[in-house]
Amino acid sequence: MGLITRNQFPQGWQPSADAVNAPPDGLLRMDNLTLDELGALALRLGSSKINATALATTDIRSLYAAVISGTRYRLVQGAGSVYRASGATLPADFSSIASGLDTSLDVQFSSYLGQIFFASGTVKKKYDG
């Protein structure tokens, strides 16, 4: 199988198009594919277990990663709390940084100017490491 060199797909993913009448600048199948750093199609990388035993039975609903002052932080939402782990080692040890969040809502994460902001319902928090 040769290397796919086309990396321009202005029509985007066309999952409902058939192979005969598909647009020439669209993707028919992109299952388990992603665009790599060079813009070429590549297989999706594998996944790794990120949580240690502390969260092994917790239903993780949201995941966010950000770099603050050179340290990579991973924040996850689970069981009405937000947990964080720092560093690049996986699996990581998570510790709780916020609790009392509504378990029926997802937590939304964002980062700006060296801080991580997260909110769920009327609860709004920030974390700076």
C-alpha atoms as a PDB file:
ATOM      1  CA  MET A   1       0.000   0.000   0.000  1.00  0.00           C
ATOM      2  CA  GLY A   2       1.452   3.338  -1.042  1.00  0.00           C
ATOM      3  CA  LEU A   3       1.607   6.572   0.871  1.00  0.00           C
ATOM      4  CA  ILE A   4      -1.432   8.804   0.473  1.00  0.00           C
ATOM      5  CA  THR A   5      -0.077  12.184  -0.576  1.00  0.00           C
ATOM      6  CA  ARG A   6      -3.333  14.087  -1.010  1.00  0.00           C
ATOM      7  CA  ASN A   7      -3.907  16.273   2.012  1.00  0.00           C
ATOM      8  CA  GLN A   8      -6.428  18.778   0.663  1.00  0.00           C
ATOM      9  CA  PHE A   9     -10.041  17.748   1.196  1.00  0.00           C
ATOM     10  CA  PRO A  10     -12.167  20.920   0.872  1.00  0.00           C
ATOM     11  CA  GLN A  11     -15.372  18.839   0.691  1.00  0.00           C
ATOM     12  CA  GLY A  12     -14.478  17.249   4.037  1.00  0.00           C
ATOM     13  CA  TRP A  13     -15.651  13.826   5.089  1.00  0.00           C
ATOM     14  CA  GLN A  14     -18.354  12.427   2.793  1.00  0.00           C
ATOM     15  CA  PRO A  15     -19.579   9.282   4.609  1.00  0.00           C
ATOM     16  CA  SER A  16     -22.814   9.029   2.611  1.00  0.00           C
ATOM     17  CA  ALA A  17     -21.189   9.335  -0.850  1.00  0.00           C
ATOM     18  CA  ASP A  18     -20.639   6.187  -2.869  1.00  0.00           C
ATOM     19  CA  ALA A  19     -17.228   5.235  -4.262  1.00  0.00           C
ATOM     20  CA  VAL A  20     -18.269   5.772  -7.918  1.00  0.00           C
ATOM     21  CA  ASN A  21     -19.950   9.189  -7.715  1.00  0.00           C
ATOM     22  CA  ALA A  22     -17.985  10.720  -4.830  1.00  0.00           C
ATOM     23  CA  PRO A  23     -16.474  14.203  -5.198  1.00  0.00           C
ATOM     24  CA  PRO A  24     -12.741  13.985  -6.028  1.00  0.00           C
ATOM     25  CA  ASP A  25     -11.843  16.424  -3.228  1.00  0.00           C
ATOM     26  CA  GLY A  26     -13.731  14.610  -0.456  1.00  0.00           C
ATOM     27  CA  LEU A  27     -12.931  11.751   1.910  1.00  0.00           C
ATOM     28  CA  LEU A  28     -15.144   8.684   1.701  1.00  0.00           C
ATOM     29  CA  ARG A  29     -13.793   6.833   4.723  1.00  0.00           C
ATOM     30  CA  MET A  30     -11.855   8.263   7.606  1.00  0.00           C
ATOM     31  CA  ASP A  31     -12.443   5.623  10.255  1.00  0.00           C
ATOM     32  CA  ASN A  32      -9.418   5.513  12.597  1.00  0.00           C
ATOM     33  CA  LEU A  33      -7.604   8.128  10.486  1.00  0.00           C
ATOM     34  CA  THR A  34      -6.401  11.589  11.433  1.00  0.00           C
ATOM     35  CA  LEU A  35      -4.254  14.261   9.833  1.00  0.00           C
ATOM     36  CA  ASP A  36      -0.698  14.170  11.162  1.00  0.00           C
ATOM     37  CA  GLU A  37       1.673  17.114  11.735  1.00  0.00           C
ATOM     38  CA  LEU A  38       2.433  17.313   8.012  1.00  0.00           C
ATOM     39  CA  GLY A  39      -1.233  17.210   6.993  1.00  0.00           C
ATOM     40  CA  ALA A  40      -1.049  13.646   5.639  1.00  0.00           C
ATOM     41  CA  LEU A  41      -3.540  10.949   6.584  1.00  0.00           C
ATOM     42  CA  ALA A  42      -2.280   8.660   9.344  1.00  0.00           C
ATOM     43  CA  LEU A  43      -3.787   5.957  11.524  1.00  0.00           C
ATOM     44  CA  ARG A  44      -5.151   7.181  14.839  1.00  0.00           C
ATOM     45  CA  LEU A  45      -2.668   6.609  17.636  1.00  0.00           C
ATOM     46  CA  GLY A  46      -3.507   4.127  20.338  1.00  0.00           C
ATOM     47  CA  SER A  47      -4.839   5.068  23.736  1.00  0.00           C
ATOM     48  CA  SER A  48      -3.396   4.722  27.217  1.00  0.00           C
ATOM     49  CA  LYS A  49      -4.980   4.353  30.617  1.00  0.00           C
ATOM     50  CA  ILE A  50      -4.429   7.695  32.321  1.00  0.00           C
ATOM     51  CA  ASN A  51      -5.898   7.131  35.755  1.00  0.00           C
ATOM     52  CA  ALA A  52      -4.379   5.184  38.587  1.00  0.00           C
ATOM     53  CA  THR A  53      -6.357   3.131  41.078  1.00  0.00           C
ATOM     54  CA  ALA A  54      -7.792   6.231  42.816  1.00  0.00           C
ATOM     55  CA  LEU A  55     -10.229   6.789  39.924  1.00  0.00           C
ATOM     56  CA  ALA A  56     -10.507   3.219  38.669  1.00  0.00           C
ATOM     57  CA  THR A  57     -14.217   2.950  39.560  1.00  0.00           C
ATOM     58  CA  THR A  58     -15.125   6.602  38.878  1.00  0.00           C
ATOM     59  CA  ASP A  59     -17.129   7.469  35.773  1.00  0.00           C
ATOM     60  CA  ILE A  60     -14.913  10.021  34.003  1.00  0.00           C
ATOM     61  CA  ARG A  61     -17.020  12.383  31.887  1.00  0.00           C
ATOM     62  CA  SER A  62     -14.696  15.227  30.839  1.00  0.00           C
ATOM     63  CA  LEU A  63     -10.956  15.357  30.240  1.00  0.00           C
ATOM     64  CA  TYR A  64      -8.724  18.397  29.689  1.00  0.00           C
ATOM     65  CA  ALA A  65      -4.964  18.948  29.447  1.00  0.00           C
ATOM     66  CA  ALA A  66      -3.021  22.227  29.596  1.00  0.00           C
ATOM     67  CA  VAL A  67       0.571  23.330  30.126  1.00  0.00           C
ATOM     68  CA  ILE A  68       1.131  25.899  32.889  1.00  0.00           C
ATOM     69  CA  SER A  69       4.668  27.177  33.534  1.00  0.00           C
ATOM     70  CA  GLY A  70       6.141  24.199  31.707  1.00  0.00           C
ATOM     71  CA  THR A  71       4.152  21.556  33.614  1.00  0.00           C
ATOM     72  CA  ARG A  72       1.442  19.532  31.882  1.00  0.00           C
ATOM     73  CA  TYR A  73      -1.737  19.247  33.951  1.00  0.00           C
ATOM     74  CA  ARG A  74      -4.542  16.798  33.265  1.00  0.00           C
ATOM     75  CA  LEU A  75      -7.943  17.618  34.709  1.00  0.00           C
ATOM     76  CA  VAL A  76     -10.836  15.177  34.741  1.00  0.00           C
ATOM     77  CA  GLN A  77     -14.416  15.325  35.938  1.00  0.00           C
ATOM     78  CA  GLY A  78     -15.801  12.389  37.819  1.00  0.00           C
ATOM     79  CA  ALA A  79     -18.475  11.798  40.465  1.00  0.00           C
ATOM     80  CA  GLY A  80     -19.206  15.496  41.098  1.00  0.00           C
ATOM     81  CA  SER A  81     -15.540  16.427  41.513  1.00  0.00           C
ATOM     82  CA  VAL A  82     -12.636  17.673  39.407  1.00  0.00           C
ATOM     83  CA  TYR A  83      -9.334  15.867  39.805  1.00  0.00           C
ATOM     84  CA  ARG A  84      -5.885  16.859  38.568  1.00  0.00           C
ATOM     85  CA  ALA A  85      -2.618  15.141  37.793  1.00  0.00           C
ATOM     86  CA  SER A  86       0.611  16.802  36.783  1.00  0.00           C
ATOM     87  CA  GLY A  87       3.596  15.574  34.848  1.00  0.00           C
ATOM     88  CA  ALA A  88       3.991  13.323  31.859  1.00  0.00           C
ATOM     89  CA  THR A  89       4.018   9.927  33.579  1.00  0.00           C
ATOM     90  CA  LEU A  90       1.058   7.656  32.847  1.00  0.00           C
ATOM     91  CA  PRO A  91      -0.882   6.256  34.560  1.00  0.00           C
ATOM     92  CA  ALA A  92      -1.076   9.309  36.799  1.00  0.00           C
ATOM     93  CA  ASP A  93      -2.073   9.835  40.423  1.00  0.00           C
ATOM     94  CA  PHE A  94      -5.052  12.184  40.548  1.00  0.00           C
ATOM     95  CA  SER A  95      -6.032  14.367  43.495  1.00  0.00           C
ATOM     96  CA  SER A  96      -9.285  16.270  44.000  1.00  0.00           C
ATOM     97  CA  ILE A  97      -9.156  20.050  43.492  1.00  0.00           C
ATOM     98  CA  ALA A  98     -12.915  20.820  43.489  1.00  0.00           C
ATOM     99  CA  SER A  99     -16.030  19.014  44.654  1.00  0.00           C
ATOM    100  CA  GLY A 100     -19.753  19.585  44.938  1.00  0.00           C
ATOM    101  CA  LEU A 101     -20.362  19.844  41.203  1.00  0.00           C
ATOM    102  CA  ASP A 102     -23.653  18.755  39.673  1.00  0.00           C
ATOM    103  CA  THR A 103     -23.200  15.126  38.610  1.00  0.00           C
ATOM    104  CA  SER A 104     -25.782  15.466  35.818  1.00  0.00           C
ATOM    105  CA  LEU A 105     -23.793  18.195  33.987  1.00  0.00           C
ATOM    106  CA  ASP A 106     -20.476  17.999  32.170  1.00  0.00           C
ATOM    107  CA  VAL A 107     -17.666  20.290  33.251  1.00  0.00           C
ATOM    108  CA  GLN A 108     -16.386  22.689  30.583  1.00  0.00           C
ATOM    109  CA  PHE A 109     -12.641  23.442  30.677  1.00  0.00           C
ATOM    110  CA  SER A 110     -10.551  26.224  29.137  1.00  0.00           C
ATOM    111  CA  SER A 111      -7.179  27.850  29.807  1.00  0.00           C
ATOM    112  CA  TYR A 112      -5.895  31.387  29.480  1.00  0.00           C
ATOM    113  CA  LEU A 113      -2.821  33.280  30.745  1.00  0.00           C
ATOM    114  CA  GLY A 114      -1.437  30.470  32.891  1.00  0.00           C
ATOM    115  CA  GLN A 115      -4.724  29.457  34.503  1.00  0.00           C
ATOM    116  CA  ILE A 116      -7.245  26.709  33.864  1.00  0.00           C
ATOM    117  CA  PHE A 117     -10.888  27.689  34.151  1.00  0.00           C
ATOM    118  CA  PHE A 118     -13.711  25.207  34.575  1.00  0.00           C
ATOM    119  CA  ALA A 119     -17.428  25.527  35.096  1.00  0.00           C
ATOM    120  CA  SER A 120     -20.480  23.364  35.560  1.00  0.00           C
ATOM    121  CA  GLY A 121     -23.916  24.925  35.949  1.00  0.00           C
ATOM    122  CA  THR A 122     -23.532  27.908  38.286  1.00  0.00           C
ATOM    123  CA  VAL A 123     -20.204  26.707  39.764  1.00  0.00           C
ATOM    124  CA  LYS A 124     -17.133  28.432  38.291  1.00  0.00           C
ATOM    125  CA  LYS A 125     -13.550  27.734  39.387  1.00  0.00           C
ATOM    126  CA  LYS A 126      -9.983  28.479  38.313  1.00  0.00           C
ATOM    127  CA  TYR A 127      -6.788  26.544  38.884  1.00  0.00           C
ATOM    128  CA  ASP A 128      -3.208  27.719  38.460  1.00  0.00           C
ATOM    129  CA  GLY A 129      -1.271  24.699  39.635  1.00  0.00           C
END
